[in-house]
C-alpha cells in the first residue's frame, strides 16, 4: 500500500542540542524497502507536534515542533533495480533553519525480484545536509547510510497474511550522531512491521517501527494511515524517542502523502 515519504531526525549535543530532519520513502520513522516508481513524483508534508510542554532541548522552553516538506522521484526505468532520490526543506524555528535543505537516495530490488518469494532488498542514505563545517555548532551532515531486507509473510490455511517484516542496520556520521555523553553513538538496528488491514478496508494501513541507538534518531513509532485515493493518504502516528535530551519530547505526527 505505502511508499510514504517521511522525515528523519538528526541531533547535536551539549549547548547546541536540537533536531534536524530528512526523508526517503519510509514506514513511519525508519526507511522502508519501498521505492518510488520511475517518473513518479511524490510530495510529503509532515508535521511533528510535541506531546508535552516539557522542554528537554532548551531549559525553560517547550521543544519546537517540526515541519518537513519534501519531494522524492523514481529515477530508474527498470522493474528489477529501482532507485529514488529526494530533497527536503525543513523548518523548526532555530539556528538549523539557516541550512534547511537535506538530500536522500535509495536503491533496491522488490520482493520476488531476484527469484520467486525472494525478500525485498534496499540500500540508501539520508540526512545528507549542507552544513559540514567542523567548527559549526549546528552541523546538518548526519549522513546516515543503511541496508534493509523485507518480506511479506505468506498466507496459511486460508488465513490472510500477518503483514510484512523488515530489518536492517544503519550507521551515520560519528561526529554528529552522539550520545548524551558526547561520544560517538552513530549506528543501530532498524526493525518494522506493517500491514494493510483488509478485514476493515483496503484503504487502512498500520505499522510499528523501531530505530536503535541512544542518540537523536533512535525511537519507537506506531501509527495508522488512510488512503483517500490511490494517490493521497494521511498518516497519524506517535513517536517515543530513546533519548529525550537529544531528540526532545515525544511527538504526535501527521504525514500527508501525495503522488503527483
Protein backbone atom coordinates (compact mmCIF):
# COMPACT_ATOMS: atom_id res chain seq x y z
CA UNK A 1 0.00 0.00 0.00
CA UNK A 2 2.52 2.53 1.11
CA UNK A 3 5.61 4.21 -0.21
CA UNK A 4 5.24 7.20 2.05
CA UNK A 5 7.86 9.93 2.17
CA UNK A 6 8.85 10.79 5.74
CA UNK A 7 11.20 12.88 7.76
CA UNK A 8 14.17 11.77 9.86
CA UNK A 9 15.78 13.27 12.96
CA UNK A 10 19.38 14.37 13.40
CA UNK A 11 20.94 15.75 16.59
CA UNK A 12 23.81 17.58 18.20
CA UNK A 13 24.95 17.53 21.83
CA UNK A 14 25.51 19.87 24.79
CA UNK A 15 24.55 23.54 24.40
CA UNK A 16 23.55 23.03 20.76
CA UNK A 17 21.21 20.07 21.21
CA UNK A 18 18.37 20.33 18.67
CA UNK A 19 16.79 18.43 15.80
CA UNK A 20 17.09 18.17 12.03
CA UNK A 21 15.14 16.07 9.55
CA UNK A 22 15.24 14.43 6.08
CA UNK A 23 13.10 11.98 4.10
CA UNK A 24 13.33 8.83 1.96
CA UNK A 25 10.30 6.52 1.50
CA UNK A 26 9.68 5.09 4.94
CA UNK A 27 7.39 3.17 7.21
CA UNK A 28 6.52 5.72 9.91
CA UNK A 29 10.01 6.71 11.01
CA UNK A 30 12.60 4.29 9.61
CA UNK A 31 13.39 3.77 5.91
CA UNK A 32 11.44 1.09 4.09
CA UNK A 33 12.34 -1.09 1.11
CA UNK A 34 9.62 0.72 -0.88
CA UNK A 35 10.86 2.87 -3.76
CA UNK A 36 9.01 5.39 -5.89
CA UNK A 37 8.31 4.02 -9.40
CA UNK A 38 10.16 5.52 -12.35
CA UNK A 39 8.94 9.02 -13.12
CA UNK A 40 6.56 9.22 -10.14
CA UNK A 41 6.95 12.44 -8.16
CA UNK A 42 5.99 12.20 -4.51
CA UNK A 43 5.19 15.11 -2.19
CA UNK A 44 5.38 14.61 1.57
CA UNK A 45 4.07 17.18 4.07
CA UNK A 46 4.93 16.06 7.59
CA UNK A 47 4.29 17.69 10.94
CA UNK A 48 5.66 16.53 14.29
CA UNK A 49 3.89 18.05 17.32
CA UNK A 50 5.32 17.76 20.82
CA UNK A 51 3.18 15.64 23.11
CA UNK A 52 4.09 17.61 26.25
CA UNK A 53 5.19 21.07 27.33
CA UNK A 54 8.38 19.74 28.86
CA UNK A 55 11.48 21.29 27.32
CA UNK A 56 14.39 18.87 27.01
CA UNK A 57 16.39 20.78 24.39
CA UNK A 58 16.33 24.28 25.89
CA UNK A 59 15.78 24.86 29.62
CA UNK A 60 12.52 26.66 30.31
CA UNK A 61 11.27 26.42 26.71
CA UNK A 62 8.93 23.98 25.02
CA UNK A 63 10.71 21.77 22.48
CA UNK A 64 9.94 23.03 18.96
CA UNK A 65 7.52 21.38 16.57
CA UNK A 66 8.93 20.45 13.18
CA UNK A 67 7.62 20.76 9.61
CA UNK A 68 9.18 18.90 6.68
CA UNK A 69 8.16 19.37 3.07
CA UNK A 70 9.90 17.09 0.62
CA UNK A 71 9.90 15.70 -2.92
CA UNK A 72 11.00 12.21 -4.00
CA UNK A 73 11.14 10.86 -7.55
CA UNK A 74 11.83 7.44 -9.06
CA UNK A 75 14.75 7.63 -11.48
CA UNK A 76 15.39 4.13 -12.92
CA UNK A 77 13.13 2.68 -15.68
CA UNK A 78 13.58 -0.96 -14.63
CA UNK A 79 11.40 -3.48 -12.83
CA UNK A 80 14.23 -5.32 -11.07
CA UNK A 81 16.55 -2.49 -9.99
CA UNK A 82 14.76 0.60 -8.75
CA UNK A 83 16.03 3.91 -7.41
CA UNK A 84 14.65 7.10 -5.90
CA UNK A 85 16.24 10.43 -5.00
CA UNK A 86 14.79 13.19 -2.86
CA UNK A 87 15.25 16.59 -1.25
CA UNK A 88 13.57 18.27 1.71
CA UNK A 89 13.02 21.70 3.13
CA UNK A 90 12.84 21.58 6.91
CA UNK A 91 11.71 24.27 9.33
CA UNK A 92 11.84 24.02 13.11
CA UNK A 93 12.41 27.54 14.34
CA UNK A 94 16.04 27.71 15.47
CA UNK A 95 19.57 28.14 14.14
CA UNK A 96 19.36 24.99 11.99
CA UNK A 97 16.97 26.87 9.70
CA UNK A 98 19.99 28.63 8.18
CA UNK A 99 20.70 25.33 6.38
CA UNK A 100 17.24 23.85 5.74
CA UNK A 101 17.97 21.54 2.79
CA UNK A 102 18.61 17.79 3.09
CA UNK A 103 19.05 15.04 0.49
CA UNK A 104 18.46 11.29 0.27
CA UNK A 105 18.69 8.36 -2.16
CA UNK A 106 17.76 4.68 -2.21
CA UNK A 107 18.47 1.70 -4.49
CA UNK A 108 16.57 -1.55 -4.19
CA UNK A 109 15.04 -4.75 -5.52
CA UNK A 110 11.34 -5.52 -4.84
CA UNK A 111 10.00 -8.74 -3.34
CA UNK A 112 10.28 -11.74 -5.73
CA UNK A 113 12.56 -9.65 -7.94
CA UNK A 114 15.57 -11.95 -7.73
CA UNK A 115 13.54 -15.18 -7.61
CA UNK A 116 10.10 -16.40 -6.52
CA UNK A 117 9.39 -15.44 -2.90
CA UNK A 118 12.68 -13.58 -2.59
CA UNK A 119 12.72 -10.78 0.01
CA UNK A 120 12.96 -7.12 -0.93
CA UNK A 121 16.40 -5.52 -0.56
CA UNK A 122 17.39 -1.87 -0.26
CA UNK A 123 20.44 0.26 0.45
CA UNK A 124 20.40 4.01 0.80
CA UNK A 125 21.28 7.15 2.66
CA UNK A 126 19.54 10.17 4.17
CA UNK A 127 20.11 13.29 6.26
CA UNK A 128 22.79 14.50 3.87
CA UNK A 129 22.76 18.12 5.00
CA UNK A 130 24.56 21.13 3.56
CA UNK A 131 26.44 22.29 6.66
CA UNK A 132 29.51 20.13 7.31
CA UNK A 133 31.73 22.77 8.91
CA UNK A 134 33.56 21.13 11.79
CA UNK A 135 33.54 24.36 13.80
CA UNK A 136 29.79 24.86 13.43
CA UNK A 137 27.55 24.06 16.43
CA UNK A 138 24.64 23.31 14.06
CA UNK A 139 26.07 20.81 11.58
CA UNK A 140 23.49 19.06 9.40
CA UNK A 141 25.69 16.34 7.86
CA UNK A 142 24.37 13.35 9.76
CA UNK A 143 25.00 11.28 6.60
CA UNK A 144 23.21 8.06 7.56
CA UNK A 145 23.63 5.01 5.31
CA UNK A 146 21.64 1.80 5.76
CA UNK A 147 20.73 -1.63 4.42
CA UNK A 148 17.33 -3.34 4.71
CA UNK A 149 15.66 -6.65 3.93
CA UNK A 150 11.86 -7.13 3.98
CA UNK A 151 9.42 -9.98 3.41
CA UNK A 152 5.63 -10.20 3.37
CA UNK A 153 4.54 -13.20 5.42
CA UNK A 154 2.67 -15.84 3.38
CA UNK A 155 -0.93 -16.91 3.86
CA UNK A 156 -1.50 -20.14 5.78
CA UNK A 157 -4.58 -22.42 5.87
CA UNK A 158 -6.72 -19.81 4.17
CA UNK A 159 -5.84 -17.14 6.73
CA UNK A 160 -4.64 -13.74 5.48
CA UNK A 161 -1.03 -12.68 5.69
CA UNK A 162 0.04 -11.24 9.01
CA UNK A 163 1.86 -8.45 7.21
CA UNK A 164 5.40 -7.51 6.26
CA UNK A 165 8.50 -7.68 8.43
CA UNK A 166 11.70 -5.77 7.73
CA UNK A 167 15.06 -5.43 9.40
CA UNK A 168 18.42 -3.86 8.82
CA UNK A 169 21.20 -1.69 10.15
CA UNK A 170 22.27 1.94 9.87
CA UNK A 171 25.44 3.93 10.51
CA UNK A 172 25.99 7.68 10.39
CA UNK A 173 28.49 10.46 10.95
CA UNK A 174 30.06 9.81 14.36
CA UNK A 175 30.92 13.49 14.79
CA UNK A 176 27.25 14.46 14.62
CA UNK A 177 25.40 11.39 15.89
CA UNK A 178 26.47 11.20 19.52
CA UNK A 179 25.08 10.03 22.84
CA UNK A 180 24.29 12.02 25.95
CA UNK A 181 27.96 11.81 26.95
CA UNK A 182 29.07 13.41 23.68
CA UNK A 183 30.73 10.23 22.46
CA UNK A 184 30.04 8.57 19.13
CA UNK A 185 26.67 6.80 19.05
CA UNK A 186 26.15 6.52 15.32
CA UNK A 187 24.66 3.13 14.50
CA UNK A 188 21.86 0.75 15.36
CA UNK A 189 19.19 -1.69 14.26
CA UNK A 190 16.20 -0.93 12.01
CA UNK A 191 13.04 -3.02 12.54
CA UNK A 192 9.44 -2.74 11.37
CA UNK A 193 6.09 -4.44 10.85
CA UNK A 194 3.37 -3.13 8.55
CA UNK A 195 0.11 -4.44 7.15
CA UNK A 196 -2.88 -3.39 5.08
CA UNK A 197 -5.91 -4.01 7.32
CA UNK A 198 -8.04 -5.53 4.57
CA UNK A 199 -10.50 -7.05 7.07
CA UNK A 200 -11.63 -3.48 7.73
CA UNK A 201 -10.70 -1.73 4.48
CA UNK A 202 -8.02 -1.96 1.81
CA UNK A 203 -7.54 1.75 2.42
CA UNK A 204 -6.39 1.26 6.03
CA UNK A 205 -2.73 0.56 6.82
CA UNK A 206 -0.94 0.11 10.16
CA UNK A 207 2.71 -0.04 11.16
CA UNK A 208 5.18 -0.16 14.03
CA UNK A 209 8.86 0.59 13.57
CA UNK A 210 11.97 0.99 15.70
CA UNK A 211 15.35 2.63 15.18
CA UNK A 212 18.02 1.63 17.67
CA UNK A 213 20.73 3.80 19.18
CA UNK A 214 20.96 6.04 22.22
CA UNK A 215 21.13 9.11 20.01
CA UNK A 216 18.83 11.69 18.45
CA UNK A 217 17.38 9.34 15.81
CA UNK A 218 16.59 6.32 17.99
CA UNK A 219 12.95 5.73 18.77
CA UNK A 220 9.79 3.63 18.58
CA UNK A 221 6.94 4.76 16.31
CA UNK A 222 3.47 3.42 15.61
CA UNK A 223 0.54 4.66 13.60
CA UNK A 224 -2.20 4.15 11.02
CA UNK A 225 -2.80 5.62 7.57
CA UNK A 226 -5.87 6.03 5.39
CA UNK A 227 -5.71 6.22 1.59
CA UNK A 228 -8.38 8.67 0.44
CA UNK A 229 -7.47 7.94 -3.18
CA UNK A 230 -4.72 5.82 -4.82
CA UNK A 231 -2.59 8.99 -4.81
CA UNK A 232 -3.45 10.67 -1.49
CA UNK A 233 -3.04 9.28 2.04
CA UNK A 234 -2.81 10.65 5.56
CA UNK A 235 -0.98 9.05 8.48
CA UNK A 236 -1.49 9.64 12.20
CA UNK A 237 1.26 8.38 14.48
CA UNK A 238 3.14 8.70 17.74
CA UNK A 239 6.91 8.65 18.38
CA UNK A 240 8.70 7.67 21.60
CA UNK A 241 12.32 8.83 21.45
CA UNK A 242 15.12 6.82 23.05
CA UNK A 243 16.96 9.89 24.34
CA UNK A 244 14.73 12.86 25.14
CA UNK A 245 17.70 15.08 25.96
CA UNK A 246 18.82 14.68 22.33
CA UNK A 247 15.57 14.27 20.41
CA UNK A 248 13.24 16.26 22.62
CA UNK A 249 9.79 15.37 23.93
CA UNK A 250 7.76 12.60 22.31
CA UNK A 251 5.74 13.64 19.26
CA UNK A 252 2.41 13.17 17.55
CA UNK A 253 2.82 13.11 13.79
CA UNK A 254 0.56 13.78 10.83
CA UNK A 255 2.00 12.87 7.44
CA UNK A 256 0.22 13.79 4.21
CA UNK A 257 1.49 11.94 1.13
CA UNK A 258 0.57 12.89 -2.43
CA UNK A 259 1.71 11.24 -5.64
CA UNK A 260 1.78 13.89 -8.34
